[in-house]
Amino acid sequence: MVGTTPGVPRERVAFLESALKKTAEDPECQKRFDSMGTPVDYAPGKVVLGDVNEMLSLSGEEKALIGSFMGAKGY
């Protein structure tokens, strides 16, 4: 996941999203990441922001359950 600070001009955000999407969809890039066992995928910033906001609104019990599935400690 890649993020930036609030207030970045829209044209810069659009450039970054375009560059990340091209990279993620490049067959050679996908081969390299696959060979490392790390799949790469692209999602637009608005989608990721929605997902992050949804995760932040979860209850403590829901966070603990998800954390246990992911092998995270401290939840």
C-alpha atoms as a PDB file:
ATOM      1  CA  MET A   1       0.000   0.000   0.000  1.00  0.00           C
ATOM      2  CA  VAL A   2       1.229   3.472  -0.851  1.00  0.00           C
ATOM      3  CA  GLY A   3      -0.071   6.653   0.721  1.00  0.00           C
ATOM      4  CA  THR A   4       0.664  10.334   0.910  1.00  0.00           C
ATOM      5  CA  THR A   5      -0.199  13.292   3.081  1.00  0.00           C
ATOM      6  CA  PRO A   6      -3.402  15.313   2.757  1.00  0.00           C
ATOM      7  CA  GLY A   7      -3.309  18.309   0.450  1.00  0.00           C
ATOM      8  CA  VAL A   8      -1.273  16.817  -2.391  1.00  0.00           C
ATOM      9  CA  PRO A   9      -2.456  18.405  -5.664  1.00  0.00           C
ATOM     10  CA  ARG A  10      -4.867  16.207  -7.627  1.00  0.00           C
ATOM     11  CA  GLU A  11      -2.621  16.086 -10.682  1.00  0.00           C
ATOM     12  CA  ARG A  12       0.205  14.625  -8.587  1.00  0.00           C
ATOM     13  CA  VAL A  13      -2.107  12.033  -7.057  1.00  0.00           C
ATOM     14  CA  ALA A  14      -3.364  11.148 -10.548  1.00  0.00           C
ATOM     15  CA  PHE A  15       0.231  10.773 -11.771  1.00  0.00           C
ATOM     16  CA  LEU A  16       1.147   8.513  -8.847  1.00  0.00           C
ATOM     17  CA  GLU A  17      -1.961   6.365  -9.293  1.00  0.00           C
ATOM     18  CA  SER A  18      -1.253   6.012 -13.012  1.00  0.00           C
ATOM     19  CA  ALA A  19       2.377   5.052 -12.432  1.00  0.00           C
ATOM     20  CA  LEU A  20       1.477   2.516  -9.739  1.00  0.00           C
ATOM     21  CA  LYS A  21      -1.252   0.988 -11.889  1.00  0.00           C
ATOM     22  CA  LYS A  22       1.106   0.635 -14.880  1.00  0.00           C
ATOM     23  CA  THR A  23       3.735  -0.949 -12.652  1.00  0.00           C
ATOM     24  CA  ALA A  24       1.295  -3.376 -11.033  1.00  0.00           C
ATOM     25  CA  GLU A  25      -0.109  -4.425 -14.414  1.00  0.00           C
ATOM     26  CA  ASP A  26       3.285  -4.845 -16.093  1.00  0.00           C
ATOM     27  CA  PRO A  27       3.829  -8.552 -16.837  1.00  0.00           C
ATOM     28  CA  GLU A  28       7.556  -8.397 -16.015  1.00  0.00           C
ATOM     29  CA  CYS A  29       6.834  -6.724 -12.669  1.00  0.00           C
ATOM     30  CA  GLN A  30       4.200  -9.342 -11.875  1.00  0.00           C
ATOM     31  CA  LYS A  31       6.669 -12.137 -12.671  1.00  0.00           C
ATOM     32  CA  ARG A  32       9.270 -10.640 -10.343  1.00  0.00           C
ATOM     33  CA  PHE A  33       6.867 -10.255  -7.450  1.00  0.00           C
ATOM     34  CA  ASP A  34       5.362 -13.697  -8.045  1.00  0.00           C
ATOM     35  CA  SER A  35       8.851 -15.235  -7.968  1.00  0.00           C
ATOM     36  CA  MET A  36       9.323 -13.680  -4.507  1.00  0.00           C
ATOM     37  CA  GLY A  37       5.980 -15.036  -3.323  1.00  0.00           C
ATOM     38  CA  THR A  38       4.582 -11.521  -3.050  1.00  0.00           C
ATOM     39  CA  PRO A  39       1.640 -10.931  -5.375  1.00  0.00           C
ATOM     40  CA  VAL A  40       1.109  -7.362  -6.484  1.00  0.00           C
ATOM     41  CA  ASP A  41      -2.277  -5.844  -7.208  1.00  0.00           C
ATOM     42  CA  TYR A  42      -3.601  -2.363  -7.918  1.00  0.00           C
ATOM     43  CA  ALA A  43      -6.571  -0.631  -6.339  1.00  0.00           C
ATOM     44  CA  PRO A  44      -7.443   3.051  -6.837  1.00  0.00           C
ATOM     45  CA  GLY A  45      -6.806   5.366  -3.903  1.00  0.00           C
ATOM     46  CA  LYS A  46     -10.526   5.896  -3.265  1.00  0.00           C
ATOM     47  CA  VAL A  47     -11.031   2.148  -2.857  1.00  0.00           C
ATOM     48  CA  VAL A  48      -8.071   1.785  -0.491  1.00  0.00           C
ATOM     49  CA  LEU A  49      -9.188   4.801   1.553  1.00  0.00           C
ATOM     50  CA  GLY A  50     -12.654   3.277   1.918  1.00  0.00           C
ATOM     51  CA  ASP A  51     -11.145  -0.041   3.038  1.00  0.00           C
ATOM     52  CA  VAL A  52      -8.863   1.677   5.573  1.00  0.00           C
ATOM     53  CA  ASN A  53     -11.726   3.743   6.996  1.00  0.00           C
ATOM     54  CA  GLU A  54     -13.863   0.616   7.297  1.00  0.00           C
ATOM     55  CA  MET A  55     -11.089  -1.245   9.124  1.00  0.00           C
ATOM     56  CA  LEU A  56     -10.540   1.663  11.509  1.00  0.00           C
ATOM     57  CA  SER A  57     -14.219   1.623  12.444  1.00  0.00           C
ATOM     58  CA  LEU A  58     -14.187  -2.040  13.534  1.00  0.00           C
ATOM     59  CA  SER A  59     -14.759  -2.955  17.151  1.00  0.00           C
ATOM     60  CA  GLY A  60     -11.912  -4.257  19.304  1.00  0.00           C
ATOM     61  CA  GLU A  61     -13.295  -7.778  19.081  1.00  0.00           C
ATOM     62  CA  GLU A  62     -13.479  -7.620  15.263  1.00  0.00           C
ATOM     63  CA  LYS A  63      -9.920  -6.265  15.058  1.00  0.00           C
ATOM     64  CA  ALA A  64      -8.692  -9.063  17.327  1.00  0.00           C
ATOM     65  CA  LEU A  65     -10.379 -11.687  15.150  1.00  0.00           C
ATOM     66  CA  ILE A  66      -8.875 -10.281  11.947  1.00  0.00           C
ATOM     67  CA  GLY A  67      -5.487  -9.898  13.648  1.00  0.00           C
ATOM     68  CA  SER A  68      -5.548 -13.539  14.705  1.00  0.00           C
ATOM     69  CA  PHE A  69      -6.313 -14.630  11.114  1.00  0.00           C
ATOM     70  CA  MET A  70      -3.381 -12.579   9.877  1.00  0.00           C
ATOM     71  CA  GLY A  71      -1.018 -13.761  12.596  1.00  0.00           C
ATOM     72  CA  ALA A  72      -0.697 -10.231  14.019  1.00  0.00           C
ATOM     73  CA  LYS A  73       0.121  -9.855  17.690  1.00  0.00           C
ATOM     74  CA  GLY A  74      -1.089  -7.209  20.088  1.00  0.00           C
ATOM     75  CA  TYR A  75      -4.764  -7.106  19.122  1.00  0.00           C
END
